[in-house]
C-alpha atoms as a PDB file:
ATOM      1  CA  UNK A   1     -13.916  -2.164  14.844  1.00  0.00           C
ATOM      2  CA  UNK A   2     -17.227  -4.294  15.786  1.00  0.00           C
ATOM      3  CA  UNK A   3     -19.350  -3.515  18.851  1.00  0.00           C
ATOM      4  CA  UNK A   4     -18.739  -6.784  19.999  1.00  0.00           C
ATOM      5  CA  UNK A   5     -15.277  -6.185  20.121  1.00  0.00           C
ATOM      6  CA  UNK A   6     -15.820  -3.240  22.424  1.00  0.00           C
ATOM      7  CA  UNK A   7     -17.823  -4.986  24.785  1.00  0.00           C
ATOM      8  CA  UNK A   8     -15.341  -7.472  25.207  1.00  0.00           C
ATOM      9  CA  UNK A   9     -13.056  -4.484  26.215  1.00  0.00           C
ATOM     10  CA  UNK A  10     -10.824  -4.118  23.377  1.00  0.00           C
ATOM     11  CA  UNK A  11     -10.440  -0.685  22.470  1.00  0.00           C
ATOM     12  CA  UNK A  12      -9.099   0.322  19.023  1.00  0.00           C
ATOM     13  CA  UNK A  13      -5.395   2.305  19.102  1.00  0.00           C
ATOM     14  CA  UNK A  14      -5.916   5.877  18.289  1.00  0.00           C
ATOM     15  CA  UNK A  15      -2.757   6.256  16.256  1.00  0.00           C
ATOM     16  CA  UNK A  16      -3.561   3.095  13.933  1.00  0.00           C
ATOM     17  CA  UNK A  17      -7.160   4.374  13.762  1.00  0.00           C
ATOM     18  CA  UNK A  18      -6.067   7.763  12.567  1.00  0.00           C
ATOM     19  CA  UNK A  19      -3.581   5.813   9.865  1.00  0.00           C
ATOM     20  CA  UNK A  20      -6.647   3.939   8.843  1.00  0.00           C
ATOM     21  CA  UNK A  21      -8.636   7.098   7.589  1.00  0.00           C
ATOM     22  CA  UNK A  22      -5.680   7.639   4.726  1.00  0.00           C
ATOM     23  CA  UNK A  23      -5.694   4.209   3.245  1.00  0.00           C
ATOM     24  CA  UNK A  24      -7.427   3.851   0.012  1.00  0.00           C
ATOM     25  CA  UNK A  25      -8.937  -0.115   0.301  1.00  0.00           C
ATOM     26  CA  UNK A  26     -10.096  -0.011  -3.365  1.00  0.00           C
ATOM     27  CA  UNK A  27      -6.437  -0.402  -4.032  1.00  0.00           C
ATOM     28  CA  UNK A  28      -5.885  -2.899  -1.803  1.00  0.00           C
ATOM     29  CA  UNK A  29      -9.157  -4.694  -3.096  1.00  0.00           C
ATOM     30  CA  UNK A  30      -7.886  -4.459  -6.836  1.00  0.00           C
ATOM     31  CA  UNK A  31      -4.214  -5.792  -5.913  1.00  0.00           C
ATOM     32  CA  UNK A  32      -5.797  -9.232  -3.911  1.00  0.00           C
ATOM     33  CA  UNK A  33      -8.068  -9.526  -7.128  1.00  0.00           C
ATOM     34  CA  UNK A  34      -4.812 -10.057  -9.237  1.00  0.00           C
ATOM     35  CA  UNK A  35      -3.028 -13.351  -9.517  1.00  0.00           C
ATOM     36  CA  UNK A  36       0.334 -13.722  -7.302  1.00  0.00           C
ATOM     37  CA  UNK A  37       2.330 -13.522 -11.202  1.00  0.00           C
ATOM     38  CA  UNK A  38       0.445 -10.698 -12.038  1.00  0.00           C
ATOM     39  CA  UNK A  39       1.093  -8.964  -8.371  1.00  0.00           C
ATOM     40  CA  UNK A  40       4.715  -9.887  -9.086  1.00  0.00           C
ATOM     41  CA  UNK A  41       4.540  -8.203 -12.872  1.00  0.00           C
ATOM     42  CA  UNK A  42       3.399  -4.956 -11.555  1.00  0.00           C
ATOM     43  CA  UNK A  43       6.190  -4.870  -8.622  1.00  0.00           C
ATOM     44  CA  UNK A  44       9.047  -5.617 -11.561  1.00  0.00           C
ATOM     45  CA  UNK A  45       7.256  -3.088 -13.488  1.00  0.00           C
ATOM     46  CA  UNK A  46       7.217  -0.227 -11.082  1.00  0.00           C
ATOM     47  CA  UNK A  47      11.004  -1.213 -10.269  1.00  0.00           C
ATOM     48  CA  UNK A  48      11.836  -0.850 -13.460  1.00  0.00           C
ATOM     49  CA  UNK A  49      10.143   2.966 -13.425  1.00  0.00           C
ATOM     50  CA  UNK A  50      12.222   3.583 -10.506  1.00  0.00           C
ATOM     51  CA  UNK A  51      15.270   2.828 -12.135  1.00  0.00           C
ATOM     52  CA  UNK A  52      14.287   5.123 -15.341  1.00  0.00           C
ATOM     53  CA  UNK A  53      13.853   7.966 -12.664  1.00  0.00           C
ATOM     54  CA  UNK A  54      17.088   7.497 -10.847  1.00  0.00           C
ATOM     55  CA  UNK A  55      19.010   7.107 -14.282  1.00  0.00           C
ATOM     56  CA  UNK A  56      17.237  10.779 -15.290  1.00  0.00           C
ATOM     57  CA  UNK A  57      18.003  12.082 -11.944  1.00  0.00           C
ATOM     58  CA  UNK A  58      21.722  10.817 -12.429  1.00  0.00           C
ATOM     59  CA  UNK A  59      22.062  12.958 -15.796  1.00  0.00           C
ATOM     60  CA  UNK A  60      20.364  15.978 -14.762  1.00  0.00           C
ATOM     61  CA  UNK A  61      23.098  15.825 -12.088  1.00  0.00           C
ATOM     62  CA  UNK A  62      25.985  16.231 -14.337  1.00  0.00           C
END
C-alpha cells in the first residue's frame, strides 16, 4: 500500500495482506497478455481436462 494512502488513514486489512503473499502475480500478468478469445480457449481446455479426470475417477471406482 502506498504511503500516501497510509497517511490518509487507510490501513490495509491484515487478512487481505496475508492472502496477497500467496498470489503469484506473474500468472495474472501472463493471463492479462492474452486476448479474451485465448483466455476462453484456456478455460475450455482446463474444463476438458477436468472432464477427463472425472471420467478416470469414475472408472477407477468400479
